[in-house]
Amino acid sequence: MNSMNHQGYTARIEYDERDNIFVGRLLGIRAIISFHGQTVKELRKEFEHAVDDYLVECSEKGVSPERPASGKLLLRVSPEVHGRAMVVAQASGKSLNQWVAEVLERAVTAEA
């Protein structure tokens, strides 16, 4: 995935062959925030402008801007997977939370 990051926000970038432009959309929040540009430089500028405008608008309205992640993750798995994960975590001298966080970190790093 092609992406850009600014102030903790990530955008997915795609190329629109029909219109001959790059198009981006913020990920991880419910608000639909998109932007576009004909060059990478223009796209970067529009992305930063879109994020900054979103943050200003939230401030003016007195609402907290959505953040892509809070750091809390509710995960439902089968009791068997839960049990095996707990055993593996304990065997490695870690809490289940520490172990899962490390496994997720490795998985998302491998994807990048």
N, C-alpha and C. Protein backbone atom coordinates (compact mmCIF):
# COMPACT_ATOMS: atom_id res chain seq x y z
N MET A 1 0.85 -1.18 0.00
CA MET A 1 0.00 0.00 0.00
C MET A 1 0.89 1.24 0.00
N ASN A 2 0.56 2.17 -0.84
CA ASN A 2 1.25 3.45 -0.83
C ASN A 2 0.54 4.35 0.18
N SER A 3 1.34 4.99 1.03
CA SER A 3 0.73 5.80 2.08
C SER A 3 1.58 7.02 2.39
N MET A 4 0.96 7.96 3.11
CA MET A 4 1.62 9.15 3.61
C MET A 4 1.20 9.32 5.06
N ASN A 5 2.06 9.94 5.86
CA ASN A 5 1.77 10.18 7.28
C ASN A 5 1.98 11.64 7.61
N HIS A 6 1.09 12.16 8.46
CA HIS A 6 1.19 13.55 8.93
C HIS A 6 0.43 13.67 10.24
N GLN A 7 1.09 14.18 11.27
CA GLN A 7 0.50 14.41 12.59
C GLN A 7 -0.25 13.20 13.14
N GLY A 8 0.30 12.01 12.91
CA GLY A 8 -0.32 10.80 13.44
C GLY A 8 -1.41 10.21 12.57
N TYR A 9 -1.70 10.84 11.45
CA TYR A 9 -2.71 10.34 10.53
C TYR A 9 -2.03 9.70 9.32
N THR A 10 -2.65 8.65 8.81
CA THR A 10 -2.13 7.95 7.64
C THR A 10 -3.17 8.01 6.54
N ALA A 11 -2.69 8.19 5.32
CA ALA A 11 -3.58 8.21 4.17
C ALA A 11 -3.13 7.15 3.17
N ARG A 12 -4.10 6.49 2.57
CA ARG A 12 -3.84 5.55 1.47
C ARG A 12 -3.80 6.37 0.18
N ILE A 13 -2.80 6.09 -0.64
CA ILE A 13 -2.63 6.83 -1.88
C ILE A 13 -2.85 5.89 -3.06
N GLU A 14 -3.62 6.35 -4.03
CA GLU A 14 -3.85 5.60 -5.26
C GLU A 14 -3.70 6.53 -6.44
N TYR A 15 -3.46 5.95 -7.58
CA TYR A 15 -3.36 6.74 -8.81
C TYR A 15 -4.63 6.53 -9.61
N ASP A 16 -5.27 7.62 -10.00
CA ASP A 16 -6.49 7.59 -10.81
C ASP A 16 -6.08 7.83 -12.26
N GLU A 17 -5.99 6.74 -13.01
CA GLU A 17 -5.52 6.83 -14.39
C GLU A 17 -6.48 7.63 -15.27
N ARG A 18 -7.76 7.52 -15.00
CA ARG A 18 -8.75 8.22 -15.81
C ARG A 18 -8.56 9.74 -15.74
N ASP A 19 -8.36 10.25 -14.50
CA ASP A 19 -8.20 11.70 -14.32
C ASP A 19 -6.74 12.13 -14.25
N ASN A 20 -5.82 11.16 -14.32
CA ASN A 20 -4.39 11.44 -14.29
C ASN A 20 -3.97 12.22 -13.03
N ILE A 21 -4.48 11.76 -11.87
CA ILE A 21 -4.14 12.40 -10.60
C ILE A 21 -3.90 11.33 -9.54
N PHE A 22 -3.21 11.75 -8.48
CA PHE A 22 -3.07 10.92 -7.29
C PHE A 22 -4.22 11.29 -6.36
N VAL A 23 -4.79 10.27 -5.72
CA VAL A 23 -5.92 10.49 -4.81
C VAL A 23 -5.57 9.85 -3.47
N GLY A 24 -5.88 10.55 -2.40
CA GLY A 24 -5.61 10.03 -1.07
C GLY A 24 -6.83 10.10 -0.19
N ARG A 25 -6.86 9.21 0.80
CA ARG A 25 -7.95 9.20 1.78
C ARG A 25 -7.39 8.79 3.13
N LEU A 26 -7.78 9.53 4.18
CA LEU A 26 -7.33 9.19 5.53
C LEU A 26 -7.89 7.85 5.95
N LEU A 27 -7.07 7.09 6.64
CA LEU A 27 -7.45 5.77 7.14
C LEU A 27 -7.64 5.81 8.65
N GLY A 28 -8.46 4.91 9.14
CA GLY A 28 -8.57 4.72 10.58
C GLY A 28 -9.51 5.65 11.31
N ILE A 29 -10.23 6.50 10.58
CA ILE A 29 -11.22 7.36 11.22
C ILE A 29 -12.52 7.28 10.42
N ARG A 30 -13.63 7.61 11.09
CA ARG A 30 -14.93 7.54 10.41
C ARG A 30 -15.15 8.69 9.44
N ALA A 31 -14.60 9.85 9.76
CA ALA A 31 -14.76 11.01 8.88
C ALA A 31 -14.14 10.69 7.52
N ILE A 32 -14.81 11.13 6.48
CA ILE A 32 -14.29 10.91 5.13
C ILE A 32 -13.49 12.15 4.74
N ILE A 33 -12.19 11.98 4.71
CA ILE A 33 -11.30 13.08 4.36
C ILE A 33 -10.44 12.61 3.20
N SER A 34 -10.63 13.25 2.07
CA SER A 34 -9.86 12.87 0.89
C SER A 34 -9.21 14.11 0.29
N PHE A 35 -8.28 13.88 -0.61
CA PHE A 35 -7.52 14.96 -1.23
C PHE A 35 -6.91 14.41 -2.51
N HIS A 36 -6.40 15.30 -3.34
CA HIS A 36 -5.78 14.84 -4.58
C HIS A 36 -4.73 15.84 -5.05
N GLY A 37 -3.90 15.38 -5.99
CA GLY A 37 -2.88 16.25 -6.57
C GLY A 37 -2.33 15.61 -7.84
N GLN A 38 -1.82 16.43 -8.71
CA GLN A 38 -1.26 15.92 -9.96
C GLN A 38 0.18 15.45 -9.80
N THR A 39 0.88 15.96 -8.80
CA THR A 39 2.25 15.53 -8.53
C THR A 39 2.34 15.06 -7.08
N VAL A 40 3.40 14.36 -6.77
CA VAL A 40 3.59 13.90 -5.40
C VAL A 40 3.74 15.11 -4.47
N LYS A 41 4.45 16.11 -4.92
CA LYS A 41 4.62 17.32 -4.10
C LYS A 41 3.28 17.98 -3.82
N GLU A 42 2.45 18.11 -4.84
CA GLU A 42 1.12 18.70 -4.66
C GLU A 42 0.25 17.82 -3.77
N LEU A 43 0.34 16.52 -3.95
CA LEU A 43 -0.42 15.59 -3.13
C LEU A 43 -0.04 15.72 -1.66
N ARG A 44 1.26 15.77 -1.37
CA ARG A 44 1.74 15.92 0.02
C ARG A 44 1.19 17.21 0.62
N LYS A 45 1.25 18.31 -0.13
CA LYS A 45 0.75 19.59 0.35
C LYS A 45 -0.75 19.51 0.65
N GLU A 46 -1.52 18.90 -0.24
CA GLU A 46 -2.96 18.78 -0.05
C GLU A 46 -3.31 17.85 1.13
N PHE A 47 -2.52 16.82 1.31
CA PHE A 47 -2.72 15.90 2.44
C PHE A 47 -2.52 16.66 3.75
N GLU A 48 -1.41 17.35 3.88
CA GLU A 48 -1.13 18.09 5.10
C GLU A 48 -2.20 19.16 5.34
N HIS A 49 -2.62 19.81 4.27
CA HIS A 49 -3.67 20.83 4.37
C HIS A 49 -4.99 20.19 4.86
N ALA A 50 -5.33 19.02 4.33
CA ALA A 50 -6.58 18.34 4.71
C ALA A 50 -6.55 17.96 6.20
N VAL A 51 -5.44 17.41 6.66
CA VAL A 51 -5.32 17.04 8.08
C VAL A 51 -5.39 18.29 8.96
N ASP A 52 -4.61 19.30 8.60
CA ASP A 52 -4.58 20.53 9.40
C ASP A 52 -5.96 21.20 9.44
N ASP A 53 -6.66 21.23 8.31
CA ASP A 53 -8.01 21.79 8.28
C ASP A 53 -8.97 21.01 9.17
N TYR A 54 -8.85 19.69 9.13
CA TYR A 54 -9.69 18.83 9.96
C TYR A 54 -9.47 19.16 11.44
N LEU A 55 -8.21 19.29 11.84
CA LEU A 55 -7.90 19.58 13.24
C LEU A 55 -8.39 20.96 13.66
N VAL A 56 -8.26 21.94 12.78
CA VAL A 56 -8.76 23.30 13.06
C VAL A 56 -10.28 23.28 13.18
N GLU A 57 -10.94 22.60 12.26
CA GLU A 57 -12.40 22.52 12.29
C GLU A 57 -12.89 21.88 13.59
N CYS A 58 -12.24 20.82 14.01
CA CYS A 58 -12.62 20.17 15.27
C CYS A 58 -12.44 21.12 16.44
N SER A 59 -11.33 21.84 16.44
CA SER A 59 -11.06 22.80 17.51
C SER A 59 -12.12 23.90 17.54
N GLU A 60 -12.47 24.41 16.38
CA GLU A 60 -13.49 25.47 16.30
C GLU A 60 -14.86 25.00 16.78
N LYS A 61 -15.15 23.72 16.54
CA LYS A 61 -16.43 23.15 16.97
C LYS A 61 -16.39 22.67 18.42
N GLY A 62 -15.19 22.68 19.02
CA GLY A 62 -15.05 22.23 20.40
C GLY A 62 -15.19 20.73 20.57
N VAL A 63 -14.84 19.98 19.52
CA VAL A 63 -14.90 18.52 19.60
C VAL A 63 -13.50 17.95 19.47
N SER A 64 -13.31 16.78 20.06
CA SER A 64 -12.02 16.11 19.95
C SER A 64 -11.91 15.45 18.58
N PRO A 65 -10.81 15.66 17.90
CA PRO A 65 -10.65 14.99 16.60
C PRO A 65 -10.50 13.49 16.79
N GLU A 66 -11.04 12.74 15.84
CA GLU A 66 -10.86 11.30 15.88
C GLU A 66 -9.37 11.00 15.71
N ARG A 67 -8.92 10.01 16.40
CA ARG A 67 -7.55 9.53 16.24
C ARG A 67 -7.63 8.14 15.65
N PRO A 68 -6.67 7.79 14.81
CA PRO A 68 -6.71 6.48 14.16
C PRO A 68 -6.75 5.31 15.14
N ALA A 69 -6.15 5.46 16.30
CA ALA A 69 -6.15 4.37 17.26
C ALA A 69 -5.91 4.90 18.66
N SER A 70 -6.56 4.28 19.63
CA SER A 70 -6.41 4.70 21.02
C SER A 70 -5.33 3.91 21.73
N GLY A 71 -4.94 2.78 21.17
CA GLY A 71 -3.98 1.91 21.84
C GLY A 71 -4.68 0.78 22.58
N LYS A 72 -6.00 0.81 22.59
CA LYS A 72 -6.78 -0.26 23.21
C LYS A 72 -7.38 -1.10 22.09
N LEU A 73 -7.29 -2.41 22.24
CA LEU A 73 -7.77 -3.30 21.20
C LEU A 73 -8.58 -4.42 21.85
N LEU A 74 -9.84 -4.52 21.50
CA LEU A 74 -10.69 -5.60 21.97
C LEU A 74 -10.66 -6.67 20.91
N LEU A 75 -10.27 -7.86 21.29
CA LEU A 75 -10.09 -8.93 20.33
C LEU A 75 -10.83 -10.16 20.81
N ARG A 76 -11.65 -10.73 19.94
CA ARG A 76 -12.37 -11.95 20.29
C ARG A 76 -11.79 -13.11 19.48
N VAL A 77 -11.40 -14.15 20.20
CA VAL A 77 -10.87 -15.36 19.57
C VAL A 77 -11.51 -16.56 20.28
N SER A 78 -11.33 -17.71 19.70
CA SER A 78 -11.89 -18.91 20.33
C SER A 78 -11.17 -19.17 21.66
N PRO A 79 -11.83 -19.85 22.59
CA PRO A 79 -11.19 -20.18 23.86
C PRO A 79 -9.91 -21.00 23.66
N GLU A 80 -9.87 -21.82 22.62
CA GLU A 80 -8.69 -22.64 22.36
C GLU A 80 -7.49 -21.77 21.97
N VAL A 81 -7.72 -20.81 21.08
CA VAL A 81 -6.64 -19.90 20.67
C VAL A 81 -6.21 -19.05 21.85
N HIS A 82 -7.15 -18.57 22.62
CA HIS A 82 -6.85 -17.76 23.80
C HIS A 82 -5.96 -18.55 24.76
N GLY A 83 -6.34 -19.78 25.01
CA GLY A 83 -5.58 -20.62 25.93
C GLY A 83 -4.17 -20.89 25.44
N ARG A 84 -4.05 -21.21 24.15
CA ARG A 84 -2.71 -21.49 23.60
C ARG A 84 -1.85 -20.23 23.62
N ALA A 85 -2.45 -19.09 23.31
CA ALA A 85 -1.69 -17.84 23.33
C ALA A 85 -1.22 -17.52 24.75
N MET A 86 -2.07 -17.77 25.73
CA MET A 86 -1.71 -17.51 27.11
C MET A 86 -0.53 -18.39 27.53
N VAL A 87 -0.55 -19.65 27.12
CA VAL A 87 0.54 -20.58 27.46
C VAL A 87 1.84 -20.12 26.81
N VAL A 88 1.78 -19.75 25.53
CA VAL A 88 2.98 -19.30 24.82
C VAL A 88 3.53 -18.03 25.48
N ALA A 89 2.65 -17.10 25.82
CA ALA A 89 3.08 -15.85 26.47
C ALA A 89 3.75 -16.15 27.81
N GLN A 90 3.12 -16.97 28.62
CA GLN A 90 3.69 -17.30 29.93
C GLN A 90 5.01 -18.03 29.79
N ALA A 91 5.10 -18.93 28.80
CA ALA A 91 6.34 -19.68 28.59
C ALA A 91 7.48 -18.74 28.19
N SER A 92 7.15 -17.62 27.55
CA SER A 92 8.19 -16.67 27.16
C SER A 92 8.42 -15.60 28.23
N GLY A 93 7.75 -15.76 29.37
CA GLY A 93 7.95 -14.84 30.49
C GLY A 93 7.26 -13.50 30.32
N LYS A 94 6.20 -13.48 29.53
CA LYS A 94 5.50 -12.23 29.26
C LYS A 94 4.03 -12.35 29.62
N SER A 95 3.43 -11.19 29.83
CA SER A 95 1.97 -11.19 29.99
C SER A 95 1.36 -11.43 28.61
N LEU A 96 0.11 -11.84 28.59
CA LEU A 96 -0.57 -12.05 27.31
C LEU A 96 -0.60 -10.74 26.52
N ASN A 97 -0.85 -9.63 27.20
CA ASN A 97 -0.89 -8.34 26.53
C ASN A 97 0.46 -8.00 25.88
N GLN A 98 1.56 -8.19 26.62
CA GLN A 98 2.89 -7.92 26.06
C GLN A 98 3.16 -8.81 24.85
N TRP A 99 2.83 -10.08 24.98
CA TRP A 99 3.10 -11.03 23.90
C TRP A 99 2.30 -10.67 22.65
N VAL A 100 1.01 -10.39 22.82
CA VAL A 100 0.16 -10.04 21.67
C VAL A 100 0.65 -8.75 21.03
N ALA A 101 1.03 -7.77 21.83
CA ALA A 101 1.53 -6.51 21.29
C ALA A 101 2.78 -6.74 20.44
N GLU A 102 3.68 -7.61 20.90
CA GLU A 102 4.89 -7.92 20.13
C GLU A 102 4.56 -8.66 18.84
N VAL A 103 3.63 -9.60 18.90
CA VAL A 103 3.24 -10.35 17.70
C VAL A 103 2.61 -9.40 16.69
N LEU A 104 1.73 -8.51 17.13
CA LEU A 104 1.11 -7.54 16.23
C LEU A 104 2.14 -6.60 15.62
N GLU A 105 3.08 -6.15 16.45
CA GLU A 105 4.13 -5.25 15.95
C GLU A 105 4.93 -5.93 14.86
N ARG A 106 5.31 -7.17 15.07
CA ARG A 106 6.05 -7.89 14.03
C ARG A 106 5.23 -8.06 12.76
N ALA A 107 3.94 -8.34 12.92
CA ALA A 107 3.07 -8.55 11.76
C ALA A 107 2.91 -7.27 10.95
N VAL A 108 2.69 -6.15 11.60
CA VAL A 108 2.49 -4.92 10.85
C VAL A 108 3.80 -4.39 10.29
N THR A 109 4.91 -4.67 10.95
CA THR A 109 6.22 -4.27 10.42
C THR A 109 6.54 -5.06 9.17
N ALA A 110 6.19 -6.34 9.16
CA ALA A 110 6.43 -7.18 7.99
C ALA A 110 5.59 -6.73 6.81
N GLU A 111 4.41 -6.18 7.07
CA GLU A 111 3.52 -5.73 6.00
C GLU A 111 3.98 -4.42 5.38
N ALA A 112 4.71 -3.61 6.14
CA ALA A 112 5.11 -2.28 5.65
C ALA A 112 6.14 -2.33 4.56
